[in-house]
Protein backbone atom coordinates (compact mmCIF):
# COMPACT_ATOMS: atom_id res chain seq x y z
CA MET A 1 -50.63 -89.40 -147.41
CA ASP A 2 -48.47 -91.66 -149.47
CA PHE A 3 -49.16 -95.31 -150.48
CA TYR A 4 -47.73 -96.65 -147.19
CA THR A 5 -48.86 -100.26 -147.67
CA SER A 6 -47.52 -100.44 -151.28
CA TYR A 7 -44.17 -99.20 -150.20
CA LYS A 8 -44.04 -101.76 -147.33
CA LYS A 9 -44.73 -104.41 -150.05
CA ILE A 10 -41.75 -103.10 -152.02
CA GLN A 11 -39.63 -103.24 -148.96
CA TRP A 12 -40.51 -106.87 -148.44
CA ALA A 13 -39.69 -107.65 -152.04
CA ASN A 14 -36.31 -105.92 -151.69
CA LYS A 15 -35.66 -107.96 -148.51
CA HIS A 16 -36.41 -111.18 -150.46
CA ILE A 17 -33.95 -110.02 -153.17
CA THR A 18 -31.35 -109.48 -150.46
CA ASP A 19 -32.16 -112.91 -149.10
CA ILE A 20 -31.33 -114.52 -152.51
CA HIS A 21 -27.96 -112.82 -152.60
CA ALA A 22 -27.28 -114.07 -149.03
CA MET A 23 -28.19 -117.69 -149.93
CA LEU A 24 -25.82 -117.48 -152.96
CA LEU A 25 -23.01 -116.27 -150.76
CA ALA A 26 -23.71 -118.90 -148.09
CA PHE A 27 -23.49 -121.55 -150.73
CA GLY A 28 -20.25 -120.22 -152.10
CA ASN A 29 -18.76 -120.22 -148.70
CA LEU A 30 -19.66 -123.79 -147.79
CA PRO A 31 -16.36 -125.71 -147.42
CA ASN A 32 -17.56 -128.49 -149.74
CA SER A 33 -19.84 -126.65 -152.01
CA TYR A 34 -17.36 -126.87 -154.92
CA THR A 35 -13.90 -128.10 -155.85
CA LEU A 36 -11.21 -126.84 -158.18
CA TRP A 37 -8.89 -129.17 -160.20
CA ILE A 38 -6.51 -128.75 -163.17
CA ASP A 39 -7.19 -130.45 -166.42
CA HIS A 40 -3.70 -130.75 -168.00
CA ASP A 41 -3.27 -131.66 -171.65
CA ALA A 42 0.13 -133.42 -171.83
CA GLU A 43 0.36 -133.04 -175.65
CA THR A 44 -0.21 -129.30 -175.89
CA GLY A 45 0.96 -128.35 -172.28
CA GLN A 46 -2.29 -126.43 -171.76
CA ASN A 47 -3.91 -126.18 -168.31
CA VAL A 48 -7.61 -125.62 -167.65
CA LEU A 49 -8.96 -124.68 -164.27
CA CYS A 50 -12.15 -126.74 -163.71
CA VAL A 51 -14.92 -126.07 -161.23
CA ASP A 52 -17.15 -128.95 -159.95
CA LEU A 53 -20.19 -127.89 -158.09
CA ARG A 54 -22.14 -129.78 -155.42
CA GLN A 55 -25.58 -129.32 -157.03
CA ASP A 56 -27.17 -131.32 -154.12
CA LEU A 57 -26.12 -128.55 -151.79
CA PHE A 58 -27.34 -125.66 -153.92
CA PRO A 59 -30.49 -124.08 -152.25
CA CYS A 60 -32.48 -124.21 -155.48
CA ALA A 61 -35.93 -124.76 -153.99
CA ASN A 62 -35.36 -122.03 -151.31
CA ILE A 63 -34.29 -119.61 -153.99
CA ALA A 64 -37.21 -120.44 -156.26
CA LEU A 65 -39.65 -119.84 -153.42
CA THR A 66 -38.00 -116.57 -152.52
CA VAL A 67 -38.19 -115.38 -156.10
CA GLY A 68 -41.90 -116.10 -156.08
CA ASP A 69 -42.32 -114.14 -152.84
CA ALA A 70 -40.51 -111.21 -154.30
CA LEU A 71 -42.78 -111.23 -157.40
CA HIS A 72 -45.91 -111.50 -155.31
CA ASN A 73 -45.01 -108.56 -153.16
CA LEU A 74 -44.25 -106.35 -156.16
CA ARG A 75 -47.53 -107.22 -157.83
CA SER A 76 -49.40 -106.69 -154.54
CA ALA A 77 -47.80 -103.22 -154.21
CA LEU A 78 -49.47 -102.12 -157.44
CA ASP A 79 -52.86 -103.73 -156.47
CA TYR A 80 -52.87 -102.02 -153.11
CA MET A 81 -52.17 -98.68 -154.89
CA TYR A 82 -54.95 -99.12 -157.28
CA TYR A 83 -57.37 -100.24 -154.57
CA GLN A 84 -56.63 -97.16 -152.50
CA SER A 85 -56.98 -94.96 -155.58
CA VAL A 86 -60.48 -96.32 -156.21
CA LEU A 87 -61.50 -95.54 -152.69
CA ALA A 88 -60.01 -92.04 -153.08
CA CYS A 89 -62.25 -91.54 -156.06
CA ASP A 90 -65.26 -92.60 -153.98
CA GLY A 91 -65.54 -95.75 -156.08
CA LEU A 92 -66.71 -99.12 -154.82
CA PRO A 93 -63.95 -101.79 -155.12
CA SER A 94 -64.94 -105.36 -156.11
CA ASP A 95 -63.23 -108.68 -155.99
CA TYR A 96 -61.72 -107.93 -159.37
CA THR A 97 -60.18 -104.64 -158.44
CA ARG A 98 -56.52 -104.78 -159.26
CA PHE A 99 -53.94 -102.78 -161.20
CA PRO A 100 -54.50 -103.51 -164.90
CA ILE A 101 -51.69 -105.20 -166.76
CA PHE A 102 -52.31 -106.86 -170.00
CA GLU A 103 -50.52 -108.02 -173.11
CA GLU A 104 -52.15 -105.49 -175.42
CA ARG A 105 -52.93 -101.74 -175.03
CA LYS A 106 -56.49 -102.18 -176.12
CA LYS A 107 -57.22 -104.61 -173.32
CA VAL A 108 -55.85 -102.10 -170.85
CA GLU A 109 -58.00 -99.36 -172.32
CA SER A 110 -61.12 -101.55 -172.12
CA TRP A 111 -60.44 -102.39 -168.48
CA LEU A 112 -60.00 -98.63 -167.60
CA LYS A 113 -62.95 -97.53 -169.59
CA SER A 114 -65.12 -100.02 -167.62
CA ALA A 115 -63.70 -98.62 -164.34
CA LEU A 116 -64.28 -95.09 -165.51
CA GLU A 117 -67.98 -95.88 -166.33
CA LYS A 118 -68.38 -97.29 -162.88
CA TRP A 119 -66.92 -94.17 -161.28
CA GLN A 120 -64.04 -96.27 -159.76
CA ILE A 121 -61.34 -94.09 -161.20
CA SER A 122 -60.98 -90.49 -162.49
CA ALA A 123 -59.94 -89.33 -165.95
CA GLU A 124 -56.61 -88.35 -164.53
CA ILE A 125 -55.97 -91.87 -163.43
CA PHE A 126 -57.18 -93.27 -166.84
CA PHE A 127 -54.76 -91.07 -168.84
CA LEU A 128 -51.89 -91.62 -166.37
CA ILE A 129 -52.04 -95.39 -166.75
CA ILE A 130 -52.75 -95.54 -170.49
CA ASP A 131 -50.43 -92.80 -171.69
CA THR A 132 -47.60 -92.64 -169.02
CA ILE A 133 -47.30 -95.99 -167.31
CA LYS A 134 -48.39 -98.09 -170.25
CA PRO A 135 -48.80 -101.41 -168.48
CA TYR A 136 -48.86 -103.62 -171.56
CA ALA A 137 -46.20 -105.76 -173.27
CA ALA A 138 -44.95 -103.16 -175.90
CA GLY A 139 -45.36 -100.14 -173.55
CA ASN A 140 -43.83 -101.40 -170.31
CA PRO A 141 -42.18 -104.71 -170.60
CA LEU A 142 -41.05 -104.80 -167.00
CA LEU A 143 -44.59 -104.50 -165.59
CA PHE A 144 -45.83 -106.99 -168.16
CA ALA A 145 -43.07 -109.44 -167.13
CA LEU A 146 -44.17 -108.98 -163.41
CA ARG A 147 -47.69 -109.85 -164.22
CA GLN A 148 -46.78 -112.87 -166.43
CA MET A 149 -44.18 -114.24 -163.96
CA ASN A 150 -46.49 -113.68 -160.93
CA ASP A 151 -49.22 -115.53 -162.61
CA ARG A 152 -46.91 -118.41 -163.60
CA ASP A 153 -45.47 -118.67 -160.08
CA LYS A 154 -49.02 -119.60 -158.78
CA HIS A 155 -48.65 -122.89 -160.61
CA GLN A 156 -45.02 -123.50 -161.15
CA LEU A 157 -41.77 -122.57 -159.37
CA PHE A 158 -39.09 -120.57 -161.15
CA ILE A 159 -36.11 -122.76 -161.03
CA PRO A 160 -32.93 -120.66 -161.26
CA VAL A 161 -30.19 -121.70 -163.54
CA LEU A 162 -26.75 -121.68 -162.05
CA GLU A 163 -24.76 -120.16 -164.87
CA SER A 164 -21.45 -118.93 -163.61
CA MET A 165 -19.39 -118.26 -160.47
CA ILE A 166 -16.95 -115.61 -159.26
CA LEU A 167 -13.82 -117.22 -157.61
CA LEU A 168 -11.82 -115.19 -155.23
CA ASP A 169 -8.65 -115.69 -153.21
CA VAL A 170 -7.62 -118.62 -155.37
CA ARG A 171 -3.99 -119.79 -155.23
CA LEU A 172 -2.38 -121.83 -157.98
CA GLU A 173 1.25 -122.97 -157.89
CA ASP A 174 3.62 -124.66 -160.29
CA ASP A 175 5.85 -127.59 -159.35
CA LYS A 176 8.46 -125.10 -157.96
CA GLY A 177 5.91 -123.59 -155.54
CA ILE A 178 5.64 -120.37 -157.52
CA GLN A 179 2.26 -118.75 -157.80
CA VAL A 180 0.70 -118.81 -161.28
CA GLY A 181 -2.40 -117.42 -162.84
CA LYS A 182 -4.68 -114.95 -160.98
CA THR A 183 -6.38 -114.84 -157.48
CA GLY A 184 -9.73 -114.14 -159.00
CA TYR A 185 -11.69 -115.79 -161.85
CA TYR A 186 -15.05 -115.50 -163.46
CA THR A 187 -16.38 -118.67 -164.97
CA ASP A 188 -18.80 -119.00 -167.81
CA ALA A 189 -21.54 -121.75 -168.02
CA SER A 190 -18.79 -124.34 -168.94
CA PHE A 191 -17.14 -123.79 -165.51
CA ARG A 192 -13.70 -124.21 -167.26
CA ILE A 193 -11.07 -121.50 -167.45
CA ARG A 194 -8.01 -121.62 -169.67
CA LEU A 195 -4.84 -120.69 -167.75
CA MET A 196 -3.09 -118.76 -170.54
CA ASP A 197 0.06 -118.08 -168.45
CA ALA A 198 0.64 -121.65 -167.32
CA ASN A 199 1.45 -123.43 -170.63
CA GLY A 200 3.90 -126.20 -170.16
CA LYS A 201 3.75 -126.08 -166.35
CA LYS A 202 2.48 -128.60 -163.79
CA VAL A 203 -0.12 -126.61 -161.88
CA THR A 204 -1.61 -127.47 -158.51
CA VAL A 205 -4.59 -125.90 -156.61
CA LYS A 206 -3.13 -124.83 -153.28
CA ASP A 207 -6.24 -122.83 -152.08
CA LYS A 208 -9.70 -122.85 -153.79
CA GLY A 209 -10.56 -119.59 -152.13
CA HIS A 210 -14.27 -118.78 -151.97
CA ALA A 211 -17.02 -118.39 -154.56
CA SER A 212 -20.10 -116.26 -155.35
CA PRO A 213 -22.45 -118.08 -157.65
CA ALA A 214 -24.53 -116.26 -160.26
CA ILE A 215 -28.02 -117.42 -161.20
CA VAL A 216 -30.15 -116.42 -164.15
CA PHE A 217 -33.71 -116.92 -165.40
CA GLY A 218 -34.30 -119.59 -167.87
CA PRO A 219 -35.66 -119.44 -171.42
CA ALA A 220 -39.25 -119.73 -170.38
CA THR A 221 -39.18 -116.25 -169.08
CA LEU A 222 -38.97 -112.71 -170.53
CA PHE A 223 -35.69 -112.42 -168.73
CA ASN A 224 -33.99 -115.29 -170.47
CA SER A 225 -30.31 -115.45 -169.28
CA GLU A 226 -30.54 -112.27 -167.29
CA PRO A 227 -29.28 -112.48 -163.66
CA VAL A 228 -32.16 -113.09 -161.22
CA ILE A 229 -31.20 -110.42 -158.76
CA VAL A 230 -30.75 -107.78 -161.55
CA ALA A 231 -34.05 -108.60 -163.17
CA LEU A 232 -36.00 -108.53 -159.85
CA SER A 233 -34.31 -105.19 -158.87
CA ARG A 234 -35.30 -103.63 -162.18
CA ILE A 235 -38.86 -104.64 -161.64
CA ALA A 236 -38.83 -103.20 -158.14
CA VAL A 237 -37.59 -99.81 -159.47
CA GLU A 238 -40.33 -99.82 -162.05
CA VAL A 239 -43.04 -100.55 -159.51
CA THR A 240 -41.64 -97.74 -157.31
CA ASN A 241 -41.71 -95.34 -160.27
CA THR A 242 -45.30 -96.29 -160.97
CA ILE A 243 -46.43 -95.61 -157.43
CA GLU A 244 -44.51 -92.30 -157.37
CA ALA A 245 -46.45 -91.28 -160.53
CA PHE A 246 -49.75 -91.94 -158.71
CA GLU A 247 -48.64 -89.81 -155.85
CA MET A 248 -48.05 -86.91 -158.10
CA LEU A 249 -51.90 -86.90 -158.78
CA GLY A 250 -52.35 -85.66 -155.21
CA LEU A 251 -55.28 -88.10 -154.44
CA GLU A 252 -56.81 -87.75 -150.99
CA LEU A 253 -56.07 -91.32 -149.92
CA PRO A 254 -58.07 -93.15 -147.27
CA THR A 255 -56.55 -93.95 -143.89
CA PHE A 256 -56.69 -97.39 -142.37
CA ASP A 257 -59.80 -96.35 -140.50
CA ASP A 258 -61.47 -95.46 -143.75
CA LEU A 259 -60.98 -98.94 -145.32
CA PRO A 260 -64.04 -101.14 -145.52
CA ASP A 261 -64.53 -103.98 -143.20
CA LEU A 262 -63.71 -107.44 -144.61
């Protein structure tokens, strides 16, 4: 038997990640979510395509809540796995039974030694965790980030930072009605794009196209400036790898009927 409940938690986390992507696309497709305009410098003849966002329409709170839900499910997937492993070792779980993730290796070792002395885990589990999975900051930064961010989300929302946008199907024209520039652009955090091939021309935005915003984690996280969806997906892969490593031990896992009553 595999760690069914853990994999279900990962599935829910991946659904939340997909939901974040859908919210970003929905915002970009709102007819009034952003405007494009041309900043023309009469002296130099330079044209800059500028993007103005409707921050009041951006689903910041919903995205922050969904990020927290994804983190919670990924953390729970590890805890479910560890809990089942304790039962498979004929150990007695307690209210503190959870997958150990700490900042330092010695704290992980101390936790596991205590569990080993209480017959909650086997020696194979001890060495798998401490030597292979390495759930501490220097050994496995993705799992450590999961623990740190999940703990923080219990007290404070992760507010995403809207850093850039991908603009598609844009149409710019000069005063003769001839298309200039490109149909697609990628903005940086300034939301200003220099139109290199439009010097000296009077440029007009004929079609603003549609947009796909990109959000990143802020400086207070271990994923500073990394796209939110990318970071969460990386953690989900690492959690999956951890559970698969436990499966290789071939533990005789309990069924639902074997679990203790609450």
